Amino acid sequence: MQSDVGEPGRSQGIYVTEDVRSYVLQRKRDFRVSTSCSGPILLPVSVKPPKATDLQVPIGDYTVYISKYQARYIDSIHRGMIPIFYEDF
């Protein structure tokens, strides 16, 4: 059994598409993949702060945190996870 306490996790082979890489680098901030009623969603950490149990995927100088609950079910972070209202944010 794994503990929820301890060191932050590292990505476990989760692929980030080029359009999401560009999105993160253009906005110059960290993001988090978390749970929403319609599935995984990519939000700035100012909206959804990371948790100690999140996996971390480095993108340049920034990090995409992934909820341990979402990490079980996803193998890539893609444009479909960006909410429409954040595309021009």
N, C-alpha and C. Protein backbone atom coordinates (compact mmCIF):
# COMPACT_ATOMS: atom_id res chain seq x y z
N MET A 1 0.85 -1.18 0.00
CA MET A 1 0.00 0.00 0.00
C MET A 1 0.89 1.24 0.00
N GLN A 2 0.52 2.22 -0.82
CA GLN A 2 1.29 3.45 -0.88
C GLN A 2 0.68 4.50 0.04
N SER A 3 1.54 5.32 0.58
CA SER A 3 1.11 6.41 1.45
C SER A 3 0.79 7.64 0.62
N ASP A 4 -0.14 8.46 1.10
CA ASP A 4 -0.45 9.73 0.46
C ASP A 4 0.51 10.82 0.89
N VAL A 5 1.40 10.51 1.81
CA VAL A 5 2.33 11.49 2.34
C VAL A 5 3.73 11.16 1.82
N GLY A 6 4.50 12.20 1.57
CA GLY A 6 5.88 11.95 1.15
C GLY A 6 6.29 12.87 0.03
N GLU A 7 7.29 12.44 -0.70
CA GLU A 7 7.83 13.25 -1.78
C GLU A 7 6.83 13.39 -2.91
N PRO A 8 6.86 14.54 -3.62
CA PRO A 8 6.00 14.68 -4.78
C PRO A 8 6.38 13.65 -5.82
N GLY A 9 5.39 13.18 -6.55
CA GLY A 9 5.64 12.16 -7.56
C GLY A 9 6.22 12.75 -8.83
N ARG A 10 6.87 11.92 -9.59
CA ARG A 10 7.36 12.28 -10.91
C ARG A 10 6.44 11.67 -11.94
N SER A 11 6.43 12.21 -13.13
CA SER A 11 5.56 11.68 -14.18
C SER A 11 5.91 10.22 -14.44
N GLN A 12 4.93 9.45 -14.75
CA GLN A 12 5.14 8.04 -15.02
C GLN A 12 4.79 7.74 -16.47
N GLY A 13 5.51 8.40 -17.38
CA GLY A 13 5.30 8.14 -18.79
C GLY A 13 4.07 8.81 -19.36
N ILE A 14 3.61 9.89 -18.77
CA ILE A 14 2.46 10.62 -19.32
C ILE A 14 2.97 11.60 -20.36
N TYR A 15 2.47 11.48 -21.57
CA TYR A 15 2.90 12.29 -22.71
C TYR A 15 2.15 13.62 -22.75
N VAL A 16 2.87 14.70 -23.04
CA VAL A 16 2.27 16.02 -23.19
C VAL A 16 2.37 16.41 -24.67
N THR A 17 1.23 16.72 -25.30
CA THR A 17 1.24 17.06 -26.71
C THR A 17 1.92 18.41 -26.93
N GLU A 18 2.38 18.63 -28.14
CA GLU A 18 3.09 19.88 -28.48
C GLU A 18 2.19 21.11 -28.30
N ASP A 19 0.91 21.02 -28.63
CA ASP A 19 0.04 22.19 -28.46
C ASP A 19 -0.13 22.54 -26.98
N VAL A 20 -0.14 21.57 -26.09
CA VAL A 20 -0.21 21.86 -24.66
C VAL A 20 1.12 22.42 -24.17
N ARG A 21 2.23 21.90 -24.67
CA ARG A 21 3.54 22.46 -24.32
C ARG A 21 3.59 23.95 -24.69
N SER A 22 3.17 24.26 -25.90
CA SER A 22 3.15 25.66 -26.36
C SER A 22 2.23 26.50 -25.48
N TYR A 23 1.07 25.96 -25.14
CA TYR A 23 0.10 26.65 -24.30
C TYR A 23 0.72 27.03 -22.95
N VAL A 24 1.40 26.07 -22.32
CA VAL A 24 2.04 26.31 -21.01
C VAL A 24 3.16 27.33 -21.15
N LEU A 25 4.02 27.16 -22.13
CA LEU A 25 5.17 28.06 -22.30
C LEU A 25 4.74 29.48 -22.66
N GLN A 26 3.69 29.64 -23.44
CA GLN A 26 3.20 30.98 -23.80
C GLN A 26 2.60 31.69 -22.59
N ARG A 27 1.97 30.95 -21.71
CA ARG A 27 1.32 31.57 -20.55
C ARG A 27 2.26 31.74 -19.36
N LYS A 28 3.44 31.11 -19.42
CA LYS A 28 4.48 31.30 -18.41
C LYS A 28 3.96 31.09 -16.98
N ARG A 29 3.36 29.93 -16.78
CA ARG A 29 2.84 29.59 -15.45
C ARG A 29 2.70 28.08 -15.31
N ASP A 30 2.55 27.63 -14.09
CA ASP A 30 2.32 26.21 -13.82
C ASP A 30 0.84 25.90 -13.98
N PHE A 31 0.55 24.64 -14.30
CA PHE A 31 -0.82 24.18 -14.47
C PHE A 31 -1.03 22.91 -13.68
N ARG A 32 -2.30 22.53 -13.54
CA ARG A 32 -2.65 21.29 -12.85
C ARG A 32 -3.76 20.58 -13.60
N VAL A 33 -3.60 19.29 -13.81
CA VAL A 33 -4.67 18.45 -14.35
C VAL A 33 -5.44 17.92 -13.16
N SER A 34 -6.72 18.30 -13.09
CA SER A 34 -7.53 17.85 -11.96
C SER A 34 -8.85 17.28 -12.48
N THR A 35 -9.69 16.92 -11.56
CA THR A 35 -10.95 16.27 -11.90
C THR A 35 -12.06 17.30 -12.04
N SER A 36 -12.85 17.13 -13.08
CA SER A 36 -14.07 17.94 -13.25
C SER A 36 -15.21 16.98 -13.58
N CYS A 37 -16.42 17.47 -13.59
CA CYS A 37 -17.56 16.59 -13.88
C CYS A 37 -17.54 16.06 -15.31
N SER A 38 -16.77 16.72 -16.20
CA SER A 38 -16.69 16.24 -17.58
C SER A 38 -15.37 15.54 -17.89
N GLY A 39 -14.58 15.26 -16.86
CA GLY A 39 -13.32 14.56 -17.05
C GLY A 39 -12.13 15.41 -16.64
N PRO A 40 -10.92 14.99 -17.04
CA PRO A 40 -9.72 15.74 -16.64
C PRO A 40 -9.70 17.13 -17.27
N ILE A 41 -9.23 18.09 -16.49
CA ILE A 41 -9.20 19.48 -16.95
C ILE A 41 -7.86 20.11 -16.57
N LEU A 42 -7.31 20.94 -17.45
CA LEU A 42 -6.03 21.61 -17.23
C LEU A 42 -6.30 23.05 -16.82
N LEU A 43 -5.94 23.38 -15.58
CA LEU A 43 -6.19 24.72 -15.04
C LEU A 43 -4.91 25.31 -14.48
N PRO A 44 -4.78 26.65 -14.50
CA PRO A 44 -3.63 27.28 -13.86
C PRO A 44 -3.63 26.96 -12.36
N VAL A 45 -2.46 26.87 -11.76
CA VAL A 45 -2.40 26.59 -10.33
C VAL A 45 -2.98 27.72 -9.49
N SER A 46 -3.14 28.90 -10.08
CA SER A 46 -3.79 29.99 -9.36
C SER A 46 -5.28 29.70 -9.17
N VAL A 47 -5.85 28.83 -10.01
CA VAL A 47 -7.25 28.43 -9.90
C VAL A 47 -7.38 27.14 -9.11
N LYS A 48 -6.51 26.19 -9.40
CA LYS A 48 -6.52 24.88 -8.73
C LYS A 48 -5.11 24.55 -8.26
N PRO A 49 -4.75 24.89 -7.02
CA PRO A 49 -3.38 24.69 -6.52
C PRO A 49 -2.98 23.21 -6.50
N PRO A 50 -1.68 22.94 -6.67
CA PRO A 50 -1.21 21.56 -6.63
C PRO A 50 -1.26 20.99 -5.21
N LYS A 51 -1.29 19.67 -5.15
CA LYS A 51 -1.27 18.97 -3.87
C LYS A 51 0.04 18.21 -3.75
N ALA A 52 0.42 17.89 -2.55
CA ALA A 52 1.68 17.18 -2.31
C ALA A 52 1.71 15.82 -2.98
N THR A 53 0.56 15.25 -3.25
CA THR A 53 0.49 13.91 -3.84
C THR A 53 0.46 13.93 -5.37
N ASP A 54 0.47 15.10 -5.97
CA ASP A 54 0.41 15.20 -7.44
C ASP A 54 1.69 14.69 -8.10
N LEU A 55 1.55 14.12 -9.28
CA LEU A 55 2.71 13.82 -10.12
C LEU A 55 3.13 15.12 -10.77
N GLN A 56 4.39 15.23 -11.17
CA GLN A 56 4.90 16.46 -11.78
C GLN A 56 5.50 16.17 -13.14
N VAL A 57 5.09 16.97 -14.12
CA VAL A 57 5.65 16.88 -15.47
C VAL A 57 6.29 18.22 -15.78
N PRO A 58 7.62 18.28 -15.92
CA PRO A 58 8.28 19.54 -16.24
C PRO A 58 8.09 19.90 -17.71
N ILE A 59 7.82 21.18 -17.96
CA ILE A 59 7.74 21.73 -19.31
C ILE A 59 8.53 23.04 -19.28
N GLY A 60 9.75 23.00 -19.79
CA GLY A 60 10.62 24.17 -19.71
C GLY A 60 10.83 24.52 -18.25
N ASP A 61 10.59 25.80 -17.92
CA ASP A 61 10.73 26.28 -16.54
C ASP A 61 9.47 26.08 -15.71
N TYR A 62 8.46 25.44 -16.28
CA TYR A 62 7.16 25.31 -15.63
C TYR A 62 6.83 23.85 -15.36
N THR A 63 5.80 23.64 -14.57
CA THR A 63 5.41 22.28 -14.20
C THR A 63 3.92 22.10 -14.41
N VAL A 64 3.56 20.93 -14.94
CA VAL A 64 2.17 20.52 -14.97
C VAL A 64 2.02 19.46 -13.88
N TYR A 65 1.19 19.76 -12.92
CA TYR A 65 0.89 18.84 -11.83
C TYR A 65 -0.30 18.00 -12.25
N ILE A 66 -0.28 16.73 -11.86
CA ILE A 66 -1.37 15.84 -12.24
C ILE A 66 -1.91 15.18 -10.98
N SER A 67 -3.18 15.36 -10.75
CA SER A 67 -3.83 14.73 -9.62
C SER A 67 -3.57 13.23 -9.65
N LYS A 68 -3.26 12.66 -8.50
CA LYS A 68 -3.01 11.21 -8.44
C LYS A 68 -4.24 10.43 -8.89
N TYR A 69 -5.41 11.02 -8.75
CA TYR A 69 -6.63 10.35 -9.18
C TYR A 69 -6.74 10.34 -10.70
N GLN A 70 -6.35 11.44 -11.35
CA GLN A 70 -6.38 11.48 -12.81
C GLN A 70 -5.23 10.69 -13.43
N ALA A 71 -4.08 10.68 -12.77
CA ALA A 71 -2.89 10.01 -13.32
C ALA A 71 -3.13 8.53 -13.58
N ARG A 72 -4.02 7.93 -12.85
CA ARG A 72 -4.33 6.50 -13.04
C ARG A 72 -4.97 6.23 -14.40
N TYR A 73 -5.66 7.23 -14.93
CA TYR A 73 -6.51 7.01 -16.10
C TYR A 73 -6.03 7.68 -17.38
N ILE A 74 -5.04 8.55 -17.30
CA ILE A 74 -4.60 9.26 -18.50
C ILE A 74 -3.20 8.83 -18.91
N ASP A 75 -2.96 8.86 -20.22
CA ASP A 75 -1.62 8.58 -20.71
C ASP A 75 -1.07 9.77 -21.49
N SER A 76 -1.93 10.79 -21.70
CA SER A 76 -1.46 12.01 -22.36
C SER A 76 -2.24 13.21 -21.86
N ILE A 77 -1.58 14.37 -21.94
CA ILE A 77 -2.22 15.65 -21.63
C ILE A 77 -2.36 16.35 -22.97
N HIS A 78 -3.59 16.62 -23.37
CA HIS A 78 -3.86 17.13 -24.72
C HIS A 78 -4.78 18.34 -24.68
N ARG A 79 -4.93 18.95 -25.85
CA ARG A 79 -5.72 20.19 -26.00
C ARG A 79 -7.16 20.05 -25.49
N GLY A 80 -7.72 18.88 -25.58
CA GLY A 80 -9.09 18.66 -25.12
C GLY A 80 -9.27 18.89 -23.63
N MET A 81 -8.18 18.96 -22.88
CA MET A 81 -8.25 19.19 -21.44
C MET A 81 -8.24 20.68 -21.09
N ILE A 82 -8.00 21.53 -22.08
CA ILE A 82 -7.99 22.98 -21.85
C ILE A 82 -9.42 23.50 -21.96
N PRO A 83 -9.94 24.10 -20.92
CA PRO A 83 -11.30 24.63 -20.99
C PRO A 83 -11.39 25.73 -22.06
N ILE A 84 -12.47 25.74 -22.78
CA ILE A 84 -12.65 26.70 -23.88
C ILE A 84 -12.46 28.13 -23.38
N PHE A 85 -12.98 28.46 -22.20
CA PHE A 85 -12.90 29.82 -21.69
C PHE A 85 -11.48 30.22 -21.29
N TYR A 86 -10.53 29.29 -21.24
CA TYR A 86 -9.14 29.61 -20.91
C TYR A 86 -8.24 29.68 -22.13
N GLU A 87 -8.72 29.35 -23.31
CA GLU A 87 -7.85 29.31 -24.48
C GLU A 87 -7.22 30.66 -24.79
N ASP A 88 -7.94 31.73 -24.56
CA ASP A 88 -7.40 33.06 -24.84
C ASP A 88 -6.94 33.77 -23.58
N PHE A 89 -6.91 33.08 -22.47
CA PHE A 89 -6.53 33.64 -21.17
C PHE A 89 -5.03 33.84 -21.09
